[in-house]
C-alpha cells in the first residue's frame, strides 16, 4: 500500500496495471496484464525477461501467462472477508486513471 497504480486500457481487451510507486526492482517486477477472454475469464500475465533489471526492455522481455481467473472468482475474493474488501478499497484510492486511455508502452500488451 501507499503506492500508485497506473491503469492502461488503450489496447482492446487488455488491462495493464503498473505499480509505479514501488522502488525495489525493475518495472517488470511491478506490472501485470489482464486479457479478457470473452468467456467470463481473464488471463493474468507477468513480464518475463532474459536479462537483469537494469537492462530490461521490450526487446528482451515478453508477457508470460501466469493464471486464468474468472469474473466470479474475482468477485468472490472481493467479498470473501471484510479485510480483503478493505484492502481492495484502499488500493482503489491509489489508482491513477489518467493513463486509462493509453497503451502501456514499456512492453506492448
PDB file of N, CA and C in Angstrom:
ATOM      1  N   UNK A   1       0.842  -1.178   0.000  1.00  0.00           N
ATOM      2  CA  UNK A   1       0.000   0.000   0.000  1.00  0.00           C
ATOM      3  C   UNK A   1       0.885   1.238   0.000  1.00  0.00           C
ATOM      4  N   UNK A   2       0.251   2.386   0.042  1.00  0.00           N
ATOM      5  CA  UNK A   2       0.950   3.669  -0.038  1.00  0.00           C
ATOM      6  C   UNK A   2       1.788   3.754  -1.301  1.00  0.00           C
ATOM      7  N   UNK A   3       1.203   3.397  -2.409  1.00  0.00           N
ATOM      8  CA  UNK A   3       1.868   3.431  -3.702  1.00  0.00           C
ATOM      9  C   UNK A   3       0.882   3.991  -4.713  1.00  0.00           C
ATOM     10  N   UNK A   4       1.160   3.856  -5.965  1.00  0.00           N
ATOM     11  CA  UNK A   4       0.246   4.316  -7.010  1.00  0.00           C
ATOM     12  C   UNK A   4       0.255   3.306  -8.146  1.00  0.00           C
ATOM     13  N   UNK A   5      -0.898   3.096  -8.717  1.00  0.00           N
ATOM     14  CA  UNK A   5      -1.054   2.122  -9.780  1.00  0.00           C
ATOM     15  C   UNK A   5      -1.568   2.813 -11.036  1.00  0.00           C
ATOM     16  N   UNK A   6      -0.802   2.777 -12.121  1.00  0.00           N
ATOM     17  CA  UNK A   6      -1.277   3.276 -13.396  1.00  0.00           C
ATOM     18  C   UNK A   6      -2.104   2.199 -14.062  1.00  0.00           C
ATOM     19  N   UNK A   7      -3.255   2.575 -14.566  1.00  0.00           N
ATOM     20  CA  UNK A   7      -4.151   1.630 -15.231  1.00  0.00           C
ATOM     21  C   UNK A   7      -4.178   1.982 -16.717  1.00  0.00           C
ATOM     22  N   UNK A   8      -3.747   1.035 -17.559  1.00  0.00           N
ATOM     23  CA  UNK A   8      -3.651   1.238 -19.001  1.00  0.00           C
ATOM     24  C   UNK A   8      -4.662   0.343 -19.706  1.00  0.00           C
ATOM     25  N   UNK A   9      -5.589   0.966 -20.431  1.00  0.00           N
ATOM     26  CA  UNK A   9      -6.617   0.209 -21.137  1.00  0.00           C
ATOM     27  C   UNK A   9      -6.702   0.623 -22.603  1.00  0.00           C
ATOM     28  N   UNK A  10      -5.600   1.128 -23.161  1.00  0.00           N
ATOM     29  CA  UNK A  10      -5.580   1.620 -24.525  1.00  0.00           C
ATOM     30  C   UNK A  10      -5.479   0.537 -25.582  1.00  0.00           C
ATOM     31  N   UNK A  11      -5.276  -0.709 -25.179  1.00  0.00           N
ATOM     32  CA  UNK A  11      -5.234  -1.830 -26.112  1.00  0.00           C
ATOM     33  C   UNK A  11      -6.492  -2.663 -25.887  1.00  0.00           C
ATOM     34  N   UNK A  12      -7.236  -2.903 -26.942  1.00  0.00           N
ATOM     35  CA  UNK A  12      -8.515  -3.602 -26.822  1.00  0.00           C
ATOM     36  C   UNK A  12      -8.380  -4.923 -26.069  1.00  0.00           C
ATOM     37  N   UNK A  13      -9.313  -5.156 -25.149  1.00  0.00           N
ATOM     38  CA  UNK A  13      -9.447  -6.404 -24.390  1.00  0.00           C
ATOM     39  C   UNK A  13      -8.302  -6.663 -23.424  1.00  0.00           C
ATOM     40  N   UNK A  14      -7.463  -5.657 -23.163  1.00  0.00           N
ATOM     41  CA  UNK A  14      -6.325  -5.850 -22.267  1.00  0.00           C
ATOM     42  C   UNK A  14      -6.237  -4.699 -21.277  1.00  0.00           C
ATOM     43  N   UNK A  15      -5.956  -5.048 -20.044  1.00  0.00           N
ATOM     44  CA  UNK A  15      -5.730  -4.059 -18.992  1.00  0.00           C
ATOM     45  C   UNK A  15      -4.351  -4.331 -18.416  1.00  0.00           C
ATOM     46  N   UNK A  16      -3.530  -3.292 -18.355  1.00  0.00           N
ATOM     47  CA  UNK A  16      -2.224  -3.408 -17.725  1.00  0.00           C
ATOM     48  C   UNK A  16      -2.241  -2.521 -16.492  1.00  0.00           C
ATOM     49  N   UNK A  17      -1.824  -3.086 -15.369  1.00  0.00           N
ATOM     50  CA  UNK A  17      -1.732  -2.330 -14.117  1.00  0.00           C
ATOM     51  C   UNK A  17      -0.270  -2.272 -13.722  1.00  0.00           C
ATOM     52  N   UNK A  18       0.227  -1.054 -13.573  1.00  0.00           N
ATOM     53  CA  UNK A  18       1.641  -0.804 -13.296  1.00  0.00           C
ATOM     54  C   UNK A  18       1.776  -0.118 -11.947  1.00  0.00           C
ATOM     55  N   UNK A  19       2.409  -0.778 -11.018  1.00  0.00           N
ATOM     56  CA  UNK A  19       2.661  -0.233  -9.687  1.00  0.00           C
ATOM     57  C   UNK A  19       3.924   0.621  -9.778  1.00  0.00           C
ATOM     58  N   UNK A  20       3.754   1.905 -10.092  1.00  0.00           N
ATOM     59  CA  UNK A  20       4.908   2.772 -10.281  1.00  0.00           C
ATOM     60  C   UNK A  20       5.320   3.503  -9.008  1.00  0.00           C
ATOM     61  N   UNK A  21       4.707   3.178  -7.890  1.00  0.00           N
ATOM     62  CA  UNK A  21       5.067   3.822  -6.632  1.00  0.00           C
ATOM     63  C   UNK A  21       6.088   3.048  -5.833  1.00  0.00           C
ATOM     64  N   UNK A  22       6.353   1.812  -6.218  1.00  0.00           N
ATOM     65  CA  UNK A  22       7.334   0.988  -5.514  1.00  0.00           C
ATOM     66  C   UNK A  22       8.725   1.293  -6.044  1.00  0.00           C
ATOM     67  N   UNK A  23       9.741   1.146  -5.194  1.00  0.00           N
ATOM     68  CA  UNK A  23      11.084   1.477  -5.620  1.00  0.00           C
ATOM     69  C   UNK A  23      11.988   0.297  -5.867  1.00  0.00           C
ATOM     70  N   UNK A  24      11.683  -0.851  -5.314  1.00  0.00           N
ATOM     71  CA  UNK A  24      12.589  -2.005  -5.415  1.00  0.00           C
ATOM     72  C   UNK A  24      12.321  -2.801  -6.684  1.00  0.00           C
ATOM     73  N   UNK A  25      13.378  -3.143  -7.397  1.00  0.00           N
ATOM     74  CA  UNK A  25      13.250  -3.954  -8.601  1.00  0.00           C
ATOM     75  C   UNK A  25      12.951  -3.112  -9.822  1.00  0.00           C
ATOM     76  N   UNK A  26      13.082  -3.723 -10.979  1.00  0.00           N
ATOM     77  CA  UNK A  26      12.788  -3.047 -12.232  1.00  0.00           C
ATOM     78  C   UNK A  26      11.296  -3.062 -12.523  1.00  0.00           C
ATOM     79  N   UNK A  27      10.900  -2.353 -13.572  1.00  0.00           N
ATOM     80  CA  UNK A  27       9.477  -2.243 -13.885  1.00  0.00           C
ATOM     81  C   UNK A  27       8.788  -3.590 -14.088  1.00  0.00           C
ATOM     82  N   UNK A  28       9.450  -4.645 -14.638  1.00  0.00           N
ATOM     83  CA  UNK A  28       8.734  -5.911 -14.801  1.00  0.00           C
ATOM     84  C   UNK A  28       8.290  -6.548 -13.476  1.00  0.00           C
ATOM     85  N   UNK A  29       8.914  -6.148 -12.390  1.00  0.00           N
ATOM     86  CA  UNK A  29       8.524  -6.680 -11.082  1.00  0.00           C
ATOM     87  C   UNK A  29       7.236  -6.044 -10.561  1.00  0.00           C
ATOM     88  N   UNK A  30       6.739  -5.035 -11.276  1.00  0.00           N
ATOM     89  CA  UNK A  30       5.627  -4.252 -10.751  1.00  0.00           C
ATOM     90  C   UNK A  30       4.475  -4.070 -11.731  1.00  0.00           C
ATOM     91  N   UNK A  31       4.347  -4.986 -12.678  1.00  0.00           N
ATOM     92  CA  UNK A  31       3.306  -4.830 -13.686  1.00  0.00           C
ATOM     93  C   UNK A  31       2.621  -6.172 -13.955  1.00  0.00           C
ATOM     94  N   UNK A  32       1.332  -6.094 -14.256  1.00  0.00           N
ATOM     95  CA  UNK A  32       0.559  -7.295 -14.612  1.00  0.00           C
ATOM     96  C   UNK A  32      -0.404  -6.930 -15.739  1.00  0.00           C
ATOM     97  N   UNK A  33      -0.691  -7.913 -16.572  1.00  0.00           N
ATOM     98  CA  UNK A  33      -1.631  -7.719 -17.678  1.00  0.00           C
ATOM     99  C   UNK A  33      -2.793  -8.686 -17.497  1.00  0.00           C
ATOM    100  N   UNK A  34      -3.996  -8.190 -17.752  1.00  0.00           N
ATOM    101  CA  UNK A  34      -5.210  -8.990 -17.698  1.00  0.00           C
ATOM    102  C   UNK A  34      -5.840  -8.957 -19.083  1.00  0.00           C
ATOM    103  N   UNK A  35      -6.029 -10.137 -19.682  1.00  0.00           N
ATOM    104  CA  UNK A  35      -6.619 -10.242 -21.012  1.00  0.00           C
ATOM    105  C   UNK A  35      -8.027 -10.813 -20.869  1.00  0.00           C
ATOM    106  N   UNK A  36      -9.000 -10.096 -21.408  1.00  0.00           N
ATOM    107  CA  UNK A  36     -10.387 -10.546 -21.387  1.00  0.00           C
ATOM    108  C   UNK A  36     -10.549 -11.649 -22.426  1.00  0.00           C
ATOM    109  N   UNK A  37     -10.875 -12.848 -21.967  1.00  0.00           N
ATOM    110  CA  UNK A  37     -11.035 -13.998 -22.857  1.00  0.00           C
ATOM    111  C   UNK A  37     -12.435 -14.089 -23.460  1.00  0.00           C
ATOM    112  N   UNK A  38     -13.307 -13.171 -23.088  1.00  0.00           N
ATOM    113  CA  UNK A  38     -14.681 -13.103 -23.598  1.00  0.00           C
ATOM    114  C   UNK A  38     -15.493 -14.355 -23.298  1.00  0.00           C
ATOM    115  N   UNK A  39     -15.135 -15.046 -22.240  1.00  0.00           N
ATOM    116  CA  UNK A  39     -15.913 -16.208 -21.802  1.00  0.00           C
ATOM    117  C   UNK A  39     -16.148 -16.150 -20.288  1.00  0.00           C
ATOM    118  N   UNK A  40     -15.992 -14.942 -19.714  1.00  0.00           N
ATOM    119  CA  UNK A  40     -16.147 -14.776 -18.273  1.00  0.00           C
ATOM    120  C   UNK A  40     -14.848 -14.986 -17.519  1.00  0.00           C
ATOM    121  N   UNK A  41     -13.734 -15.134 -18.258  1.00  0.00           N
ATOM    122  CA  UNK A  41     -12.446 -15.332 -17.594  1.00  0.00           C
ATOM    123  C   UNK A  41     -11.412 -14.338 -18.120  1.00  0.00           C
ATOM    124  N   UNK A  42     -10.359 -14.186 -17.347  1.00  0.00           N
ATOM    125  CA  UNK A  42      -9.257 -13.301 -17.693  1.00  0.00           C
ATOM    126  C   UNK A  42      -7.950 -14.062 -17.512  1.00  0.00           C
ATOM    127  N   UNK A  43      -7.034 -13.913 -18.463  1.00  0.00           N
ATOM    128  CA  UNK A  43      -5.707 -14.500 -18.338  1.00  0.00           C
ATOM    129  C   UNK A  43      -4.789 -13.443 -17.743  1.00  0.00           C
ATOM    130  N   UNK A  44      -4.097 -13.813 -16.676  1.00  0.00           N
ATOM    131  CA  UNK A  44      -3.174 -12.911 -15.997  1.00  0.00           C
ATOM    132  C   UNK A  44      -1.765 -13.234 -16.475  1.00  0.00           C
ATOM    133  N   UNK A  45      -1.022 -12.210 -16.886  1.00  0.00           N
ATOM    134  CA  UNK A  45       0.351 -12.394 -17.359  1.00  0.00           C
ATOM    135  C   UNK A  45       1.276 -11.418 -16.648  1.00  0.00           C
ATOM    136  N   UNK A  46       2.525 -11.849 -16.482  1.00  0.00           N
ATOM    137  CA  UNK A  46       3.579 -11.017 -15.910  1.00  0.00           C
ATOM    138  C   UNK A  46       4.725 -10.974 -16.893  1.00  0.00           C
ATOM    139  N   UNK A  47       5.512  -9.906 -16.872  1.00  0.00           N
ATOM    140  CA  UNK A  47       6.678  -9.861 -17.751  1.00  0.00           C
ATOM    141  C   UNK A  47       7.712 -10.913 -17.375  1.00  0.00           C
ATOM    142  N   UNK A  48       8.333 -11.464 -18.384  1.00  0.00           N
ATOM    143  CA  UNK A  48       9.442 -12.404 -18.196  1.00  0.00           C
ATOM    144  C   UNK A  48      10.594 -11.875 -19.037  1.00  0.00           C
ATOM    145  N   UNK A  49      11.760 -11.740 -18.410  1.00  0.00           N
ATOM    146  CA  UNK A  49      12.901 -11.178 -19.112  1.00  0.00           C
ATOM    147  C   UNK A  49      14.063 -12.163 -19.158  1.00  0.00           C
ATOM    148  N   UNK A  50      14.929 -11.954 -20.123  1.00  0.00           N
ATOM    149  CA  UNK A  50      16.105 -12.812 -20.270  1.00  0.00           C
ATOM    150  C   UNK A  50      17.361 -12.113 -19.764  1.00  0.00           C
ATOM    151  N   UNK A  51      17.181 -10.994 -19.076  1.00  0.00           N
ATOM    152  CA  UNK A  51      18.325 -10.230 -18.594  1.00  0.00           C
ATOM    153  C   UNK A  51      18.062  -9.746 -17.169  1.00  0.00           C
ATOM    154  N   UNK A  52      18.929  -8.887 -16.656  1.00  0.00           N
ATOM    155  CA  UNK A  52      18.737  -8.359 -15.304  1.00  0.00           C
ATOM    156  C   UNK A  52      17.881  -7.099 -15.343  1.00  0.00           C
ATOM    157  N   UNK A  53      17.488  -6.623 -14.165  1.00  0.00           N
ATOM    158  CA  UNK A  53      16.601  -5.465 -14.074  1.00  0.00           C
ATOM    159  C   UNK A  53      17.128  -4.234 -14.795  1.00  0.00           C
ATOM    160  N   UNK A  54      18.408  -3.998 -14.761  1.00  0.00           N
ATOM    161  CA  UNK A  54      18.963  -2.780 -15.338  1.00  0.00           C
ATOM    162  C   UNK A  54      18.819  -2.726 -16.853  1.00  0.00           C
ATOM    163  N   UNK A  55      18.728  -3.863 -17.498  1.00  0.00           N
ATOM    164  CA  UNK A  55      18.716  -3.901 -18.968  1.00  0.00           C
ATOM    165  C   UNK A  55      17.379  -4.309 -19.567  1.00  0.00           C
ATOM    166  N   UNK A  56      16.337  -4.416 -18.785  1.00  0.00           N
ATOM    167  CA  UNK A  56      15.041  -4.881 -19.283  1.00  0.00           C
ATOM    168  C   UNK A  56      14.430  -3.876 -20.248  1.00  0.00           C
ATOM    169  N   UNK A  57      13.975  -4.379 -21.378  1.00  0.00           N
ATOM    170  CA  UNK A  57      13.270  -3.552 -22.351  1.00  0.00           C
ATOM    171  C   UNK A  57      12.367  -4.449 -23.187  1.00  0.00           C
ATOM    172  N   UNK A  58      11.665  -3.859 -24.124  1.00  0.00           N
ATOM    173  CA  UNK A  58      10.708  -4.644 -24.904  1.00  0.00           C
ATOM    174  C   UNK A  58      11.378  -5.618 -25.873  1.00  0.00           C
ATOM    175  N   UNK A  59      12.676  -5.494 -26.082  1.00  0.00           N
ATOM    176  CA  UNK A  59      13.384  -6.442 -26.954  1.00  0.00           C
ATOM    177  C   UNK A  59      13.744  -7.744 -26.243  1.00  0.00           C
ATOM    178  N   UNK A  60      13.915  -7.712 -24.921  1.00  0.00           N
ATOM    179  CA  UNK A  60      14.335  -8.913 -24.195  1.00  0.00           C
ATOM    180  C   UNK A  60      13.318  -9.339 -23.131  1.00  0.00           C
ATOM    181  N   UNK A  61      12.130  -8.783 -23.198  1.00  0.00           N
ATOM    182  CA  UNK A  61      11.089  -9.086 -22.217  1.00  0.00           C
ATOM    183  C   UNK A  61       9.795  -9.404 -22.957  1.00  0.00           C
ATOM    184  N   UNK A  62       9.081 -10.424 -22.493  1.00  0.00           N
ATOM    185  CA  UNK A  62       7.801 -10.804 -23.090  1.00  0.00           C
ATOM    186  C   UNK A  62       6.782 -11.023 -21.984  1.00  0.00           C
ATOM    187  N   UNK A  63       5.524 -11.045 -22.357  1.00  0.00           N
ATOM    188  CA  UNK A  63       4.470 -11.391 -21.404  1.00  0.00           C
ATOM    189  C   UNK A  63       4.434 -12.904 -21.261  1.00  0.00           C
ATOM    190  N   UNK A  64       4.357 -13.377 -20.035  1.00  0.00           N
ATOM    191  CA  UNK A  64       4.248 -14.807 -19.777  1.00  0.00           C
ATOM    192  C   UNK A  64       2.968 -15.051 -18.978  1.00  0.00           C
ATOM    193  N   UNK A  65       2.085 -15.877 -19.546  1.00  0.00           N
ATOM    194  CA  UNK A  65       0.827 -16.178 -18.851  1.00  0.00           C
ATOM    195  C   UNK A  65       1.118 -16.847 -17.521  1.00  0.00           C
ATOM    196  N   UNK A  66       0.396 -16.391 -16.507  1.00  0.00           N
ATOM    197  CA  UNK A  66       0.586 -16.918 -15.157  1.00  0.00           C
ATOM    198  C   UNK A  66      -0.610 -17.755 -14.719  1.00  0.00           C
ATOM    199  N   UNK A  67      -1.820 -17.235 -14.936  1.00  0.00           N
ATOM    200  CA  UNK A  67      -3.008 -17.945 -14.472  1.00  0.00           C
ATOM    201  C   UNK A  67      -4.236 -17.410 -15.200  1.00  0.00           C
ATOM    202  N   UNK A  68      -5.336 -18.092 -15.003  1.00  0.00           N
ATOM    203  CA  UNK A  68      -6.624 -17.640 -15.521  1.00  0.00           C
ATOM    204  C   UNK A  68      -7.560 -17.536 -14.329  1.00  0.00           C
ATOM    205  N   UNK A  69      -8.314 -16.439 -14.302  1.00  0.00           N
ATOM    206  CA  UNK A  69      -9.252 -16.223 -13.204  1.00  0.00           C
ATOM    207  C   UNK A  69     -10.595 -15.822 -13.802  1.00  0.00           C
ATOM    208  N   UNK A  70     -11.663 -16.282 -13.194  1.00  0.00           N
ATOM    209  CA  UNK A  70     -12.988 -15.926 -13.691  1.00  0.00           C
ATOM    210  C   UNK A  70     -13.483 -14.666 -12.988  1.00  0.00           C
ATOM    211  N   UNK A  71     -14.426 -14.022 -13.633  1.00  0.00           N
ATOM    212  CA  UNK A  71     -15.047 -12.846 -13.026  1.00  0.00           C
ATOM    213  C   UNK A  71     -15.682 -13.227 -11.698  1.00  0.00           C
ATOM    214  N   UNK A  72     -16.316 -14.394 -11.641  1.00  0.00           N
ATOM    215  CA  UNK A  72     -16.944 -14.860 -10.398  1.00  0.00           C
ATOM    216  C   UNK A  72     -15.906 -15.049  -9.295  1.00  0.00           C
ATOM    217  N   UNK A  73     -14.722 -15.598  -9.647  1.00  0.00           N
ATOM    218  CA  UNK A  73     -13.653 -15.771  -8.656  1.00  0.00           C
ATOM    219  C   UNK A  73     -13.167 -14.422  -8.127  1.00  0.00           C
ATOM    220  N   UNK A  74     -13.025 -13.455  -9.037  1.00  0.00           N
ATOM    221  CA  UNK A  74     -12.582 -12.126  -8.600  1.00  0.00           C
ATOM    222  C   UNK A  74     -13.583 -11.504  -7.634  1.00  0.00           C
ATOM    223  N   UNK A  75     -14.866 -11.591  -7.965  1.00  0.00           N
ATOM    224  CA  UNK A  75     -15.886 -11.031  -7.083  1.00  0.00           C
ATOM    225  C   UNK A  75     -15.946 -11.786  -5.761  1.00  0.00           C
ATOM    226  N   UNK A  76     -15.789 -13.103  -5.807  1.00  0.00           N
ATOM    227  CA  UNK A  76     -15.802 -13.901  -4.575  1.00  0.00           C
ATOM    228  C   UNK A  76     -14.645 -13.492  -3.659  1.00  0.00           C
ATOM    229  N   UNK A  77     -13.473 -13.237  -4.245  1.00  0.00           N
ATOM    230  CA  UNK A  77     -12.332 -12.789  -3.445  1.00  0.00           C
ATOM    231  C   UNK A  77     -12.600 -11.423  -2.840  1.00  0.00           C
ATOM    232  N   UNK A  78     -13.245 -10.550  -3.607  1.00  0.00           N
ATOM    233  CA  UNK A  78     -13.551  -9.210  -3.116  1.00  0.00           C
ATOM    234  C   UNK A  78     -14.492  -9.257  -1.922  1.00  0.00           C
ATOM    235  N   UNK A  79     -15.478 -10.128  -1.982  1.00  0.00           N
ATOM    236  CA  UNK A  79     -16.474 -10.205  -0.921  1.00  0.00           C
ATOM    237  C   UNK A  79     -16.176 -11.268   0.130  1.00  0.00           C
ATOM    238  N   UNK A  80     -15.028 -11.940   0.042  1.00  0.00           N
ATOM    239  CA  UNK A  80     -14.728 -13.052   0.944  1.00  0.00           C
ATOM    240  C   UNK A  80     -14.681 -12.624   2.408  1.00  0.00           C
ATOM    241  N   UNK A  81     -13.919 -11.615   2.707  1.00  0.00           N
ATOM    242  CA  UNK A  81     -13.812 -11.154   4.099  1.00  0.00           C
ATOM    243  C   UNK A  81     -13.794  -9.631   4.123  1.00  0.00           C
ATOM    244  N   UNK A  82     -14.099  -9.076   5.264  1.00  0.00           N
ATOM    245  CA  UNK A  82     -14.056  -7.621   5.395  1.00  0.00           C
ATOM    246  C   UNK A  82     -12.640  -7.096   5.189  1.00  0.00           C
ATOM    247  N   UNK A  83     -11.639  -7.858   5.644  1.00  0.00           N
ATOM    248  CA  UNK A  83     -10.251  -7.422   5.494  1.00  0.00           C
ATOM    249  C   UNK A  83      -9.857  -7.348   4.024  1.00  0.00           C
ATOM    250  N   UNK A  84     -10.255  -8.363   3.235  1.00  0.00           N
ATOM    251  CA  UNK A  84      -9.928  -8.346   1.810  1.00  0.00           C
ATOM    252  C   UNK A  84     -10.654  -7.210   1.100  1.00  0.00           C
ATOM    253  N   UNK A  85     -11.898  -6.986   1.458  1.00  0.00           N
ATOM    254  CA  UNK A  85     -12.654  -5.895   0.850  1.00  0.00           C
ATOM    255  C   UNK A  85     -12.015  -4.553   1.208  1.00  0.00           C
ATOM    256  N   UNK A  86     -11.547  -4.409   2.430  1.00  0.00           N
ATOM    257  CA  UNK A  86     -10.877  -3.171   2.844  1.00  0.00           C
ATOM    258  C   UNK A  86      -9.588  -2.949   2.067  1.00  0.00           C
ATOM    259  N   UNK A  87      -8.860  -4.034   1.787  1.00  0.00           N
ATOM    260  CA  UNK A  87      -7.622  -3.923   1.002  1.00  0.00           C
ATOM    261  C   UNK A  87      -7.933  -3.458  -0.414  1.00  0.00           C
ATOM    262  N   UNK A  88      -8.940  -4.053  -1.037  1.00  0.00           N
ATOM    263  CA  UNK A  88      -9.320  -3.657  -2.397  1.00  0.00           C
ATOM    264  C   UNK A  88      -9.758  -2.197  -2.410  1.00  0.00           C
ATOM    265  N   UNK A  89     -10.533  -1.791  -1.432  1.00  0.00           N
ATOM    266  CA  UNK A  89     -10.987  -0.405  -1.357  1.00  0.00           C
ATOM    267  C   UNK A  89      -9.811   0.548  -1.194  1.00  0.00           C
ATOM    268  N   UNK A  90      -8.835   0.170  -0.382  1.00  0.00           N
ATOM    269  CA  UNK A  90      -7.652   1.011  -0.192  1.00  0.00           C
ATOM    270  C   UNK A  90      -6.852   1.131  -1.486  1.00  0.00           C
ATOM    271  N   UNK A  91      -6.721   0.034  -2.223  1.00  0.00           N
ATOM    272  CA  UNK A  91      -5.994   0.068  -3.492  1.00  0.00           C
ATOM    273  C   UNK A  91      -6.733   0.948  -4.497  1.00  0.00           C
ATOM    274  N   UNK A  92      -8.059   0.897  -4.510  1.00  0.00           N
ATOM    275  CA  UNK A  92      -8.836   1.732  -5.426  1.00  0.00           C
ATOM    276  C   UNK A  92      -8.481   3.202  -5.270  1.00  0.00           C
ATOM    277  N   UNK A  93      -8.211   3.620  -4.057  1.00  0.00           N
ATOM    278  CA  UNK A  93      -7.881   5.017  -3.795  1.00  0.00           C
ATOM    279  C   UNK A  93      -6.503   5.394  -4.320  1.00  0.00           C
ATOM    280  N   UNK A  94      -5.692   4.412  -4.699  1.00  0.00           N
ATOM    281  CA  UNK A  94      -4.348   4.666  -5.194  1.00  0.00           C
ATOM    282  C   UNK A  94      -4.232   4.479  -6.707  1.00  0.00           C
ATOM    283  N   UNK A  95      -5.375   4.306  -7.389  1.00  0.00           N
ATOM    284  CA  UNK A  95      -5.364   4.139  -8.837  1.00  0.00           C
ATOM    285  C   UNK A  95      -5.187   5.479  -9.540  1.00  0.00           C
ATOM    286  N   UNK A  96      -4.287   5.510 -10.487  1.00  0.00           N
ATOM    287  CA  UNK A  96      -4.077   6.673 -11.343  1.00  0.00           C
ATOM    288  C   UNK A  96      -4.796   6.384 -12.646  1.00  0.00           C
ATOM    289  N   UNK A  97      -5.949   7.001 -12.843  1.00  0.00           N
ATOM    290  CA  UNK A  97      -6.756   6.729 -14.028  1.00  0.00           C
ATOM    291  C   UNK A  97      -6.443   7.694 -15.175  1.00  0.00           C
ATOM    292  N   UNK A  98      -5.434   8.532 -15.012  1.00  0.00           N
ATOM    293  CA  UNK A  98      -5.063   9.451 -16.093  1.00  0.00           C
ATOM    294  C   UNK A  98      -4.481   8.697 -17.284  1.00  0.00           C
ATOM    295  N   UNK A  99      -4.085   7.450 -17.077  1.00  0.00           N
ATOM    296  CA  UNK A  99      -3.489   6.643 -18.146  1.00  0.00           C
ATOM    297  C   UNK A  99      -4.488   5.668 -18.775  1.00  0.00           C
ATOM    298  N   UNK A 100      -5.737   5.740 -18.381  1.00  0.00           N
ATOM    299  CA  UNK A 100      -6.722   4.725 -18.759  1.00  0.00           C
ATOM    300  C   UNK A 100      -6.919   4.606 -20.275  1.00  0.00           C
ATOM    301  N   UNK A 101      -6.734   5.664 -21.024  1.00  0.00           N
ATOM    302  CA  UNK A 101      -6.923   5.608 -22.481  1.00  0.00           C
ATOM    303  C   UNK A 101      -5.621   5.368 -23.222  1.00  0.00           C
ATOM    304  N   UNK A 102      -4.550   5.127 -22.496  1.00  0.00           N
ATOM    305  CA  UNK A 102      -3.239   4.926 -23.120  1.00  0.00           C
ATOM    306  C   UNK A 102      -2.873   3.445 -23.144  1.00  0.00           C
ATOM    307  N   UNK A 103      -2.029   3.086 -24.098  1.00  0.00           N
ATOM    308  CA  UNK A 103      -1.469   1.738 -24.143  1.00  0.00           C
ATOM    309  C   UNK A 103      -0.206   1.732 -23.280  1.00  0.00           C
ATOM    310  N   UNK A 104       0.049   0.646 -22.617  1.00  0.00           N
ATOM    311  CA  UNK A 104       1.277   0.504 -21.830  1.00  0.00           C
ATOM    312  C   UNK A 104       2.440   0.402 -22.804  1.00  0.00           C
ATOM    313  N   UNK A 105       3.403   1.313 -22.705  1.00  0.00           N
ATOM    314  CA  UNK A 105       4.432   1.371 -23.742  1.00  0.00           C
ATOM    315  C   UNK A 105       5.763   0.731 -23.373  1.00  0.00           C
ATOM    316  N   UNK A 106       5.951   0.323 -22.114  1.00  0.00           N
ATOM    317  CA  UNK A 106       7.208  -0.338 -21.749  1.00  0.00           C
ATOM    318  C   UNK A 106       7.290  -1.745 -22.327  1.00  0.00           C
ATOM    319  N   UNK A 107       6.129  -2.387 -22.442  1.00  0.00           N
ATOM    320  CA  UNK A 107       6.035  -3.714 -23.060  1.00  0.00           C
ATOM    321  C   UNK A 107       4.658  -3.801 -23.714  1.00  0.00           C
ATOM    322  N   UNK A 108       4.596  -3.668 -25.017  1.00  0.00           N
ATOM    323  CA  UNK A 108       3.286  -3.648 -25.676  1.00  0.00           C
ATOM    324  C   UNK A 108       2.413  -4.821 -25.249  1.00  0.00           C
ATOM    325  N   UNK A 109       1.170  -4.507 -24.944  1.00  0.00           N
ATOM    326  CA  UNK A 109       0.234  -5.508 -24.446  1.00  0.00           C
ATOM    327  C   UNK A 109      -0.123  -6.487 -25.530  1.00  0.00           C
TER     328      UNK A 109
END
